[in-house]
């Protein structure tokens, strides 16, 4: 099931939640691996409906992992003595693969996701702020359009128009970055 998610798109969301400062303390990949581990551990708590609801559940777990990372970074800066090791360092202590669900990502896949996520971030950053906000909320975080309009404080029709313009420009820019400007459409 993990393979059916657009992990590069999830990396973009996680990177935006981490921000510049926290990205120096923890990597997107660590947050994603912790998310997968938590979802595997807590799989009995999730009622399967469809891929979209599962992705939403994973993102809610990831948001909590980001909050925990921010709190841990704050404790460390204030002299707290509780230091949490990044998930990627567990490999030095024991087999990470034994702790992860079957079919988990490999280092080469993670590198590919990271490269694609960076291209997606660059394409997203190239948009005007008003277009970038609506594309990020709707396409990457999958927020319903009515909620996007409310969050941005604009009418629904304006939000939809911005989404159409933003996605069109985003796709064009992403194709340019990935070197497939004349190829098929690329979706996040």
N, C-alpha and C. Protein backbone atom coordinates (compact mmCIF):
# COMPACT_ATOMS: atom_id res chain seq x y z
N UNK A 1 0.81 -1.19 0.00
CA UNK A 1 0.00 0.00 0.00
C UNK A 1 0.86 1.26 0.00
N UNK A 2 1.99 1.19 0.69
CA UNK A 2 2.87 2.36 0.74
C UNK A 2 3.31 2.74 -0.67
N UNK A 3 3.54 1.74 -1.50
CA UNK A 3 3.96 1.99 -2.88
C UNK A 3 2.93 2.79 -3.67
N UNK A 4 1.65 2.70 -3.31
CA UNK A 4 0.61 3.40 -4.05
C UNK A 4 0.49 4.87 -3.64
N UNK A 5 1.17 5.27 -2.58
CA UNK A 5 1.18 6.68 -2.17
C UNK A 5 2.23 7.43 -2.98
N UNK A 6 2.03 8.71 -3.16
CA UNK A 6 3.06 9.54 -3.78
C UNK A 6 3.96 10.04 -2.65
N UNK A 7 5.01 9.30 -2.38
CA UNK A 7 5.86 9.59 -1.23
C UNK A 7 6.59 10.91 -1.41
N UNK A 8 6.96 11.25 -2.63
CA UNK A 8 7.61 12.54 -2.85
C UNK A 8 6.68 13.67 -2.45
N UNK A 9 5.41 13.55 -2.77
CA UNK A 9 4.43 14.57 -2.36
C UNK A 9 4.30 14.64 -0.85
N UNK A 10 4.35 13.49 -0.21
CA UNK A 10 4.30 13.47 1.26
C UNK A 10 5.55 14.13 1.82
N UNK A 11 6.71 13.90 1.20
CA UNK A 11 7.95 14.55 1.64
C UNK A 11 7.82 16.07 1.57
N UNK A 12 7.14 16.58 0.54
CA UNK A 12 6.94 18.02 0.41
C UNK A 12 6.11 18.54 1.59
N UNK A 13 5.04 17.83 1.91
CA UNK A 13 4.20 18.23 3.04
C UNK A 13 5.00 18.21 4.33
N UNK A 14 5.72 17.12 4.57
CA UNK A 14 6.51 17.00 5.80
C UNK A 14 7.57 18.10 5.88
N UNK A 15 8.21 18.38 4.76
CA UNK A 15 9.22 19.44 4.74
C UNK A 15 8.63 20.79 5.08
N UNK A 16 7.41 21.06 4.60
CA UNK A 16 6.78 22.35 4.92
C UNK A 16 6.41 22.42 6.39
N UNK A 17 6.02 21.29 6.98
CA UNK A 17 5.70 21.28 8.41
C UNK A 17 6.95 21.44 9.27
N UNK A 18 8.07 20.87 8.82
CA UNK A 18 9.31 20.97 9.59
C UNK A 18 9.86 22.39 9.57
N UNK A 19 9.80 23.04 8.41
CA UNK A 19 10.36 24.38 8.29
C UNK A 19 11.88 24.33 8.22
N UNK A 20 12.48 25.47 7.97
CA UNK A 20 13.93 25.56 7.80
C UNK A 20 14.70 25.18 9.06
N UNK A 21 14.30 25.74 10.20
CA UNK A 21 15.04 25.53 11.44
C UNK A 21 15.02 24.07 11.88
N UNK A 22 13.85 23.49 11.90
CA UNK A 22 13.73 22.11 12.37
C UNK A 22 14.35 21.10 11.40
N UNK A 23 14.42 21.46 10.12
CA UNK A 23 15.05 20.57 9.14
C UNK A 23 16.54 20.39 9.42
N UNK A 24 17.14 21.32 10.15
CA UNK A 24 18.55 21.15 10.52
C UNK A 24 18.70 20.14 11.65
N UNK A 25 17.62 19.89 12.38
CA UNK A 25 17.64 18.98 13.52
C UNK A 25 17.18 17.57 13.16
N UNK A 26 16.20 17.48 12.26
CA UNK A 26 15.60 16.19 11.92
C UNK A 26 15.31 16.16 10.42
N UNK A 27 15.44 14.98 9.83
CA UNK A 27 15.21 14.89 8.40
C UNK A 27 13.78 14.46 8.09
N UNK A 28 13.33 14.81 6.91
CA UNK A 28 12.02 14.39 6.42
C UNK A 28 11.93 12.87 6.41
N UNK A 29 13.03 12.23 6.01
CA UNK A 29 13.05 10.77 5.93
C UNK A 29 12.85 10.14 7.31
N UNK A 30 13.45 10.74 8.34
CA UNK A 30 13.26 10.21 9.70
C UNK A 30 11.80 10.33 10.14
N UNK A 31 11.20 11.47 9.84
CA UNK A 31 9.79 11.65 10.20
C UNK A 31 8.94 10.62 9.46
N UNK A 32 9.23 10.39 8.18
CA UNK A 32 8.45 9.43 7.39
C UNK A 32 8.63 8.01 7.94
N UNK A 33 9.85 7.63 8.26
CA UNK A 33 10.08 6.29 8.79
C UNK A 33 9.39 6.11 10.15
N UNK A 34 9.44 7.13 11.00
CA UNK A 34 8.74 7.06 12.28
C UNK A 34 7.23 6.95 12.05
N UNK A 35 6.74 7.66 11.06
CA UNK A 35 5.31 7.60 10.72
C UNK A 35 4.92 6.19 10.30
N UNK A 36 5.71 5.59 9.42
CA UNK A 36 5.43 4.23 8.98
C UNK A 36 5.49 3.25 10.14
N UNK A 37 6.48 3.42 11.00
CA UNK A 37 6.60 2.53 12.15
C UNK A 37 5.39 2.67 13.07
N UNK A 38 4.98 3.92 13.35
CA UNK A 38 3.81 4.15 14.21
C UNK A 38 2.53 3.60 13.57
N UNK A 39 2.41 3.77 12.26
CA UNK A 39 1.20 3.26 11.60
C UNK A 39 1.16 1.74 11.64
N UNK A 40 2.31 1.10 11.52
CA UNK A 40 2.36 -0.35 11.61
C UNK A 40 2.02 -0.80 13.03
N UNK A 41 2.60 -0.11 14.01
CA UNK A 41 2.35 -0.44 15.41
C UNK A 41 0.87 -0.27 15.77
N UNK A 42 0.24 0.80 15.23
CA UNK A 42 -1.13 1.15 15.59
C UNK A 42 -2.14 0.76 14.52
N UNK A 43 -1.80 -0.16 13.66
CA UNK A 43 -2.66 -0.51 12.52
C UNK A 43 -4.05 -0.99 12.95
N UNK A 44 -4.18 -1.55 14.12
CA UNK A 44 -5.49 -2.01 14.59
C UNK A 44 -6.43 -0.84 14.92
N UNK A 45 -5.86 0.34 15.12
CA UNK A 45 -6.68 1.51 15.47
C UNK A 45 -7.30 2.19 14.25
N UNK A 46 -6.82 1.83 13.07
CA UNK A 46 -7.31 2.48 11.85
C UNK A 46 -8.31 1.58 11.14
N UNK A 47 -9.45 2.13 10.83
CA UNK A 47 -10.46 1.38 10.08
C UNK A 47 -10.28 1.71 8.60
N UNK A 48 -9.93 0.70 7.82
CA UNK A 48 -9.68 0.91 6.39
C UNK A 48 -10.97 1.29 5.68
N UNK A 49 -10.91 2.41 4.93
CA UNK A 49 -12.01 2.81 4.06
C UNK A 49 -11.53 2.91 2.63
N UNK A 50 -10.46 3.67 2.44
CA UNK A 50 -9.88 3.83 1.11
C UNK A 50 -8.48 4.40 1.25
N UNK A 51 -7.78 4.52 0.13
CA UNK A 51 -6.41 5.00 0.14
C UNK A 51 -6.31 6.43 0.65
N UNK A 52 -7.27 7.26 0.26
CA UNK A 52 -7.26 8.66 0.68
C UNK A 52 -7.39 8.80 2.20
N UNK A 53 -8.28 8.03 2.80
CA UNK A 53 -8.43 8.13 4.26
C UNK A 53 -7.20 7.57 4.96
N UNK A 54 -6.57 6.55 4.37
CA UNK A 54 -5.34 6.02 4.96
C UNK A 54 -4.22 7.05 4.88
N UNK A 55 -4.12 7.75 3.75
CA UNK A 55 -3.11 8.80 3.59
C UNK A 55 -3.34 9.92 4.61
N UNK A 56 -4.60 10.28 4.81
CA UNK A 56 -4.93 11.31 5.80
C UNK A 56 -4.52 10.85 7.19
N UNK A 57 -4.75 9.58 7.52
CA UNK A 57 -4.36 9.04 8.81
C UNK A 57 -2.84 9.07 8.96
N UNK A 58 -2.11 8.69 7.90
CA UNK A 58 -0.65 8.74 7.94
C UNK A 58 -0.16 10.17 8.16
N UNK A 59 -0.79 11.13 7.48
CA UNK A 59 -0.38 12.52 7.64
C UNK A 59 -0.66 13.02 9.06
N UNK A 60 -1.73 12.54 9.67
CA UNK A 60 -2.00 12.96 11.06
C UNK A 60 -0.94 12.39 12.00
N UNK A 61 -0.49 11.17 11.74
CA UNK A 61 0.60 10.59 12.53
C UNK A 61 1.87 11.40 12.30
N UNK A 62 2.14 11.73 11.04
CA UNK A 62 3.34 12.49 10.70
C UNK A 62 3.33 13.86 11.36
N UNK A 63 2.17 14.51 11.40
CA UNK A 63 2.08 15.82 12.04
C UNK A 63 2.44 15.71 13.53
N UNK A 64 2.01 14.64 14.17
CA UNK A 64 2.37 14.42 15.57
C UNK A 64 3.87 14.14 15.72
N UNK A 65 4.47 13.42 14.76
CA UNK A 65 5.92 13.17 14.81
C UNK A 65 6.67 14.50 14.68
N UNK A 66 6.18 15.40 13.81
CA UNK A 66 6.82 16.71 13.64
C UNK A 66 6.70 17.51 14.93
N UNK A 67 5.51 17.50 15.54
CA UNK A 67 5.33 18.21 16.82
C UNK A 67 6.26 17.67 17.89
N UNK A 68 6.38 16.34 17.96
CA UNK A 68 7.29 15.73 18.93
C UNK A 68 8.73 16.14 18.68
N UNK A 69 9.12 16.18 17.41
CA UNK A 69 10.49 16.60 17.06
C UNK A 69 10.73 18.04 17.46
N UNK A 70 9.74 18.90 17.26
CA UNK A 70 9.89 20.32 17.63
C UNK A 70 10.00 20.45 19.15
N UNK A 71 9.19 19.69 19.88
CA UNK A 71 9.28 19.73 21.35
C UNK A 71 10.63 19.22 21.83
N UNK A 72 11.11 18.15 21.22
CA UNK A 72 12.41 17.59 21.60
C UNK A 72 13.53 18.59 21.32
N UNK A 73 13.46 19.26 20.19
CA UNK A 73 14.46 20.27 19.86
C UNK A 73 14.41 21.41 20.86
N UNK A 74 13.21 21.81 21.27
CA UNK A 74 13.06 22.86 22.26
C UNK A 74 13.63 22.46 23.61
N UNK A 75 13.39 21.20 24.01
CA UNK A 75 13.93 20.72 25.29
C UNK A 75 15.44 20.73 25.27
N UNK A 76 16.03 20.29 24.17
CA UNK A 76 17.47 20.23 24.06
C UNK A 76 18.06 21.63 24.15
N UNK A 77 17.45 22.61 23.50
CA UNK A 77 17.95 23.98 23.53
C UNK A 77 17.86 24.58 24.92
N UNK A 78 16.86 24.15 25.69
CA UNK A 78 16.70 24.68 27.05
C UNK A 78 17.48 23.87 28.07
N UNK A 79 18.32 22.95 27.58
CA UNK A 79 19.14 22.16 28.50
C UNK A 79 18.47 20.91 29.01
N UNK A 80 17.40 20.51 28.37
CA UNK A 80 16.72 19.28 28.78
C UNK A 80 17.62 18.08 28.60
N UNK A 81 17.45 17.08 29.43
CA UNK A 81 18.34 15.94 29.36
C UNK A 81 17.76 14.77 28.57
N UNK A 82 16.57 14.91 28.04
CA UNK A 82 15.95 13.84 27.27
C UNK A 82 16.24 14.05 25.79
N UNK A 83 17.12 13.22 25.26
CA UNK A 83 17.47 13.32 23.86
C UNK A 83 16.95 12.08 23.15
N UNK A 84 16.18 12.28 22.10
CA UNK A 84 15.63 11.18 21.34
C UNK A 84 16.49 10.96 20.11
N UNK A 85 16.92 9.74 19.90
CA UNK A 85 17.74 9.42 18.73
C UNK A 85 16.88 9.41 17.48
N UNK A 86 17.39 9.97 16.38
CA UNK A 86 16.64 9.90 15.13
C UNK A 86 16.44 8.45 14.72
N UNK A 87 15.36 8.21 14.03
CA UNK A 87 15.01 6.86 13.60
C UNK A 87 16.13 6.24 12.77
N UNK A 88 16.80 7.05 11.95
CA UNK A 88 17.85 6.52 11.08
C UNK A 88 19.05 5.99 11.86
N UNK A 89 19.24 6.44 13.10
CA UNK A 89 20.36 5.96 13.90
C UNK A 89 20.08 4.60 14.55
N UNK A 90 18.84 4.16 14.53
CA UNK A 90 18.51 2.87 15.11
C UNK A 90 19.22 1.73 14.40
N UNK A 91 19.55 1.93 13.15
CA UNK A 91 20.22 0.88 12.38
C UNK A 91 21.54 0.49 13.01
N UNK A 92 22.18 1.43 13.71
CA UNK A 92 23.44 1.13 14.36
C UNK A 92 23.25 0.22 15.57
N UNK A 93 22.06 0.25 16.16
CA UNK A 93 21.79 -0.51 17.38
C UNK A 93 21.15 -1.85 17.10
N UNK A 94 20.21 -1.89 16.16
CA UNK A 94 19.51 -3.13 15.83
C UNK A 94 18.99 -3.03 14.41
N UNK A 95 18.44 -4.08 13.93
CA UNK A 95 17.95 -4.12 12.55
C UNK A 95 16.66 -3.31 12.42
N UNK A 96 16.74 -2.23 11.66
CA UNK A 96 15.56 -1.40 11.43
C UNK A 96 14.52 -2.19 10.65
N UNK A 97 14.98 -3.01 9.71
CA UNK A 97 14.03 -3.76 8.88
C UNK A 97 13.17 -4.70 9.71
N UNK A 98 13.68 -5.17 10.84
CA UNK A 98 12.87 -6.04 11.68
C UNK A 98 11.76 -5.27 12.39
N UNK A 99 11.91 -3.94 12.47
CA UNK A 99 10.93 -3.11 13.16
C UNK A 99 9.90 -2.52 12.19
N UNK A 100 10.17 -2.58 10.90
CA UNK A 100 9.30 -1.94 9.91
C UNK A 100 8.35 -2.94 9.27
N UNK A 101 7.25 -2.43 8.72
CA UNK A 101 6.34 -3.33 8.02
C UNK A 101 7.00 -3.90 6.77
N UNK A 102 6.51 -5.05 6.30
CA UNK A 102 7.08 -5.64 5.09
C UNK A 102 6.96 -4.68 3.90
N UNK A 103 7.93 -4.75 3.01
CA UNK A 103 7.88 -3.94 1.79
C UNK A 103 8.21 -2.49 2.03
N UNK A 104 8.90 -2.18 3.11
CA UNK A 104 9.24 -0.80 3.41
C UNK A 104 10.25 -0.29 2.39
N UNK A 105 10.48 1.00 2.40
CA UNK A 105 11.32 1.62 1.40
C UNK A 105 12.79 1.26 1.59
N UNK A 106 13.53 1.30 0.50
CA UNK A 106 14.97 1.05 0.51
C UNK A 106 15.69 2.39 0.41
N UNK A 107 16.98 2.44 0.73
CA UNK A 107 17.72 3.70 0.62
C UNK A 107 17.67 4.33 -0.77
N UNK A 108 17.73 3.50 -1.81
CA UNK A 108 17.69 4.07 -3.17
C UNK A 108 16.31 4.65 -3.48
N UNK A 109 15.26 4.01 -2.98
CA UNK A 109 13.92 4.57 -3.18
C UNK A 109 13.78 5.88 -2.43
N UNK A 110 14.28 5.91 -1.20
CA UNK A 110 14.20 7.14 -0.42
C UNK A 110 14.96 8.26 -1.12
N UNK A 111 16.12 7.96 -1.69
CA UNK A 111 16.88 8.97 -2.43
C UNK A 111 16.08 9.48 -3.63
N UNK A 112 15.42 8.57 -4.32
CA UNK A 112 14.57 8.97 -5.46
C UNK A 112 13.41 9.83 -5.00
N UNK A 113 12.77 9.45 -3.87
CA UNK A 113 11.68 10.25 -3.33
C UNK A 113 12.18 11.64 -2.95
N UNK A 114 13.38 11.69 -2.34
CA UNK A 114 13.95 12.96 -1.92
C UNK A 114 14.21 13.86 -3.12
N UNK A 115 14.76 13.31 -4.20
CA UNK A 115 15.02 14.10 -5.41
C UNK A 115 13.72 14.63 -6.01
N UNK A 116 12.73 13.75 -6.11
CA UNK A 116 11.44 14.17 -6.67
C UNK A 116 10.77 15.21 -5.75
N UNK A 117 10.87 15.00 -4.45
CA UNK A 117 10.29 15.96 -3.50
C UNK A 117 10.95 17.32 -3.65
N UNK A 118 12.27 17.35 -3.83
CA UNK A 118 12.96 18.63 -4.00
C UNK A 118 12.49 19.32 -5.27
N UNK A 119 12.32 18.57 -6.36
CA UNK A 119 11.82 19.16 -7.61
C UNK A 119 10.41 19.72 -7.39
N UNK A 120 9.58 18.99 -6.64
CA UNK A 120 8.23 19.45 -6.36
C UNK A 120 8.25 20.72 -5.50
N UNK A 121 9.15 20.77 -4.53
CA UNK A 121 9.27 21.97 -3.69
C UNK A 121 9.69 23.17 -4.52
N UNK A 122 10.65 22.98 -5.42
CA UNK A 122 11.12 24.08 -6.27
C UNK A 122 9.98 24.57 -7.15
N UNK A 123 9.24 23.63 -7.74
CA UNK A 123 8.10 24.02 -8.59
C UNK A 123 7.05 24.76 -7.78
N UNK A 124 6.79 24.31 -6.58
CA UNK A 124 5.81 24.96 -5.71
C UNK A 124 6.28 26.35 -5.29
N UNK A 125 7.56 26.47 -4.94
CA UNK A 125 8.12 27.77 -4.54
C UNK A 125 8.11 28.78 -5.67
N UNK A 126 8.09 28.30 -6.92
CA UNK A 126 8.10 29.22 -8.06
C UNK A 126 6.76 29.92 -8.28
N UNK A 127 5.71 29.43 -7.62
CA UNK A 127 4.38 30.04 -7.75
C UNK A 127 4.26 31.30 -6.91
N UNK A 128 3.38 32.20 -7.34
CA UNK A 128 3.05 33.36 -6.52
C UNK A 128 2.46 32.87 -5.21
N UNK A 129 2.59 33.64 -4.15
CA UNK A 129 2.17 33.22 -2.81
C UNK A 129 0.70 32.78 -2.77
N UNK A 130 -0.19 33.54 -3.42
CA UNK A 130 -1.63 33.19 -3.36
C UNK A 130 -1.92 31.87 -4.06
N UNK A 131 -1.18 31.56 -5.13
CA UNK A 131 -1.35 30.29 -5.83
C UNK A 131 -0.67 29.16 -5.06
N UNK A 132 0.50 29.44 -4.51
CA UNK A 132 1.26 28.43 -3.76
C UNK A 132 0.44 27.92 -2.57
N UNK A 133 -0.23 28.82 -1.86
CA UNK A 133 -1.02 28.42 -0.69
C UNK A 133 -2.13 27.46 -1.07
N UNK A 134 -2.89 27.80 -2.08
CA UNK A 134 -4.03 26.96 -2.46
C UNK A 134 -3.57 25.62 -3.03
N UNK A 135 -2.49 25.61 -3.81
CA UNK A 135 -1.98 24.35 -4.36
C UNK A 135 -1.45 23.47 -3.23
N UNK A 136 -0.71 24.06 -2.31
CA UNK A 136 -0.17 23.28 -1.19
C UNK A 136 -1.30 22.66 -0.36
N UNK A 137 -2.28 23.46 -0.01
CA UNK A 137 -3.38 22.96 0.82
C UNK A 137 -4.20 21.88 0.11
N UNK A 138 -4.55 22.13 -1.13
CA UNK A 138 -5.45 21.21 -1.84
C UNK A 138 -4.74 19.99 -2.40
N UNK A 139 -3.63 20.21 -3.09
CA UNK A 139 -2.95 19.11 -3.78
C UNK A 139 -2.10 18.27 -2.83
N UNK A 140 -1.35 18.92 -1.97
CA UNK A 140 -0.43 18.17 -1.12
C UNK A 140 -1.07 17.71 0.19
N UNK A 141 -1.83 18.59 0.82
CA UNK A 141 -2.45 18.21 2.10
C UNK A 141 -3.86 17.67 1.91
N UNK A 142 -4.38 17.75 0.70
CA UNK A 142 -5.72 17.23 0.35
C UNK A 142 -6.83 17.82 1.21
N UNK A 143 -6.71 19.10 1.51
CA UNK A 143 -7.75 19.81 2.25
C UNK A 143 -8.93 20.06 1.31
N UNK A 144 -10.16 19.80 1.74
CA UNK A 144 -11.32 20.05 0.87
C UNK A 144 -11.39 21.53 0.44
N UNK A 145 -11.89 21.77 -0.77
CA UNK A 145 -11.91 23.12 -1.34
C UNK A 145 -12.64 24.14 -0.46
N UNK A 146 -13.76 23.77 0.13
CA UNK A 146 -14.48 24.71 1.00
C UNK A 146 -13.60 25.14 2.18
N UNK A 147 -12.86 24.17 2.73
CA UNK A 147 -11.97 24.48 3.84
C UNK A 147 -10.79 25.34 3.39
N UNK A 148 -10.29 25.09 2.17
CA UNK A 148 -9.21 25.91 1.61
C UNK A 148 -9.69 27.36 1.49
N UNK A 149 -10.89 27.54 0.93
CA UNK A 149 -11.44 28.90 0.76
C UNK A 149 -11.60 29.58 2.11
N UNK A 150 -12.10 28.86 3.10
CA UNK A 150 -12.28 29.43 4.43
C UNK A 150 -10.94 29.79 5.05
N UNK A 151 -9.97 28.90 4.94
CA UNK A 151 -8.63 29.14 5.49
C UNK A 151 -8.00 30.39 4.88
N UNK A 152 -8.17 30.54 3.57
CA UNK A 152 -7.57 31.69 2.87
C UNK A 152 -8.42 32.94 2.95
N UNK A 153 -9.66 32.80 3.42
CA UNK A 153 -10.55 33.95 3.54
C UNK A 153 -11.01 34.51 2.20
N UNK A 154 -11.23 33.60 1.23
CA UNK A 154 -11.68 34.02 -0.09
C UNK A 154 -12.92 33.21 -0.45
N UNK A 155 -13.72 33.72 -1.41
CA UNK A 155 -14.88 32.94 -1.86
C UNK A 155 -14.42 31.63 -2.50
N UNK A 156 -15.30 30.65 -2.48
CA UNK A 156 -15.00 29.33 -3.05
C UNK A 156 -14.62 29.45 -4.52
N UNK A 157 -15.33 30.28 -5.27
CA UNK A 157 -15.02 30.43 -6.70
C UNK A 157 -13.61 30.98 -6.91
N UNK A 158 -13.17 31.89 -6.05
CA UNK A 158 -11.82 32.44 -6.15
C UNK A 158 -10.78 31.37 -5.84
N UNK A 159 -11.06 30.58 -4.81
CA UNK A 159 -10.14 29.50 -4.45
C UNK A 159 -10.01 28.49 -5.58
N UNK A 160 -11.14 28.16 -6.22
CA UNK A 160 -11.10 27.20 -7.33
C UNK A 160 -10.33 27.76 -8.52
N UNK A 161 -10.52 29.04 -8.80
CA UNK A 161 -9.81 29.68 -9.92
C UNK A 161 -8.31 29.70 -9.64
N UNK A 162 -7.94 30.03 -8.41
CA UNK A 162 -6.52 30.03 -8.05
C UNK A 162 -5.93 28.62 -8.13
N UNK A 163 -6.71 27.64 -7.74
CA UNK A 163 -6.24 26.26 -7.82
C UNK A 163 -5.97 25.88 -9.27
N UNK A 164 -6.89 26.19 -10.15
CA UNK A 164 -6.72 25.86 -11.56
C UNK A 164 -5.46 26.53 -12.13
N UNK A 165 -5.31 27.83 -11.88
CA UNK A 165 -4.12 28.54 -12.37
C UNK A 165 -2.86 27.99 -11.73
N UNK A 166 -2.92 27.75 -10.43
CA UNK A 166 -1.75 27.27 -9.70
C UNK A 166 -1.30 25.89 -10.14
N UNK A 167 -2.25 24.97 -10.29
CA UNK A 167 -1.90 23.61 -10.70
C UNK A 167 -1.34 23.60 -12.11
N UNK A 168 -1.92 24.41 -12.99
CA UNK A 168 -1.42 24.48 -14.36
C UNK A 168 0.03 24.97 -14.37
N UNK A 169 0.30 26.04 -13.65
CA UNK A 169 1.67 26.58 -13.60
C UNK A 169 2.61 25.62 -12.88
N UNK A 170 2.13 25.00 -11.82
CA UNK A 170 2.94 24.03 -11.06
C UNK A 170 3.35 22.86 -11.95
N UNK A 171 2.40 22.28 -12.66
CA UNK A 171 2.70 21.15 -13.55
C UNK A 171 3.72 21.52 -14.61
N UNK A 172 3.51 22.69 -15.22
CA UNK A 172 4.43 23.15 -16.26
C UNK A 172 5.85 23.29 -15.69
N UNK A 173 5.96 23.93 -14.54
CA UNK A 173 7.28 24.14 -13.92
C UNK A 173 7.91 22.81 -13.51
N UNK A 174 7.12 21.90 -12.97
CA UNK A 174 7.64 20.59 -12.56
C UNK A 174 8.15 19.81 -13.76
N UNK A 175 7.42 19.88 -14.87
CA UNK A 175 7.88 19.21 -16.09
C UNK A 175 9.21 19.80 -16.55
N UNK A 176 9.36 21.11 -16.46
CA UNK A 176 10.62 21.75 -16.84
C UNK A 176 11.76 21.26 -15.96
N UNK A 177 11.52 21.20 -14.66
CA UNK A 177 12.57 20.79 -13.72
C UNK A 177 12.96 19.33 -13.94
N UNK A 178 11.97 18.50 -14.18
CA UNK A 178 12.23 17.07 -14.36
C UNK A 178 12.71 16.73 -15.77
N UNK A 179 12.71 17.75 -16.63
CA UNK A 179 13.22 17.53 -17.99
C UNK A 179 12.24 16.82 -18.91
N UNK A 180 10.96 16.93 -18.62
CA UNK A 180 9.97 16.27 -19.47
C UNK A 180 8.88 17.26 -19.86
N UNK A 181 9.30 18.43 -20.33
CA UNK A 181 8.34 19.49 -20.64
C UNK A 181 7.36 19.10 -21.73
N UNK A 182 7.77 18.22 -22.65
CA UNK A 182 6.86 17.81 -23.72
C UNK A 182 6.20 16.48 -23.42
N UNK A 183 6.53 15.88 -22.28
CA UNK A 183 6.01 14.55 -21.95
C UNK A 183 4.62 14.61 -21.34
N UNK A 184 4.16 13.48 -20.81
CA UNK A 184 2.83 13.42 -20.19
C UNK A 184 2.77 14.26 -18.94
N UNK A 185 1.57 14.56 -18.52
CA UNK A 185 1.37 15.37 -17.32
C UNK A 185 1.97 14.68 -16.11
N UNK A 186 2.56 15.48 -15.23
CA UNK A 186 3.16 14.97 -14.00
C UNK A 186 2.34 15.51 -12.84
N UNK A 187 1.80 14.61 -12.04
CA UNK A 187 1.02 15.02 -10.87
C UNK A 187 1.83 14.77 -9.62
N UNK A 188 1.64 15.60 -8.61
CA UNK A 188 2.33 15.37 -7.34
C UNK A 188 1.85 14.10 -6.69
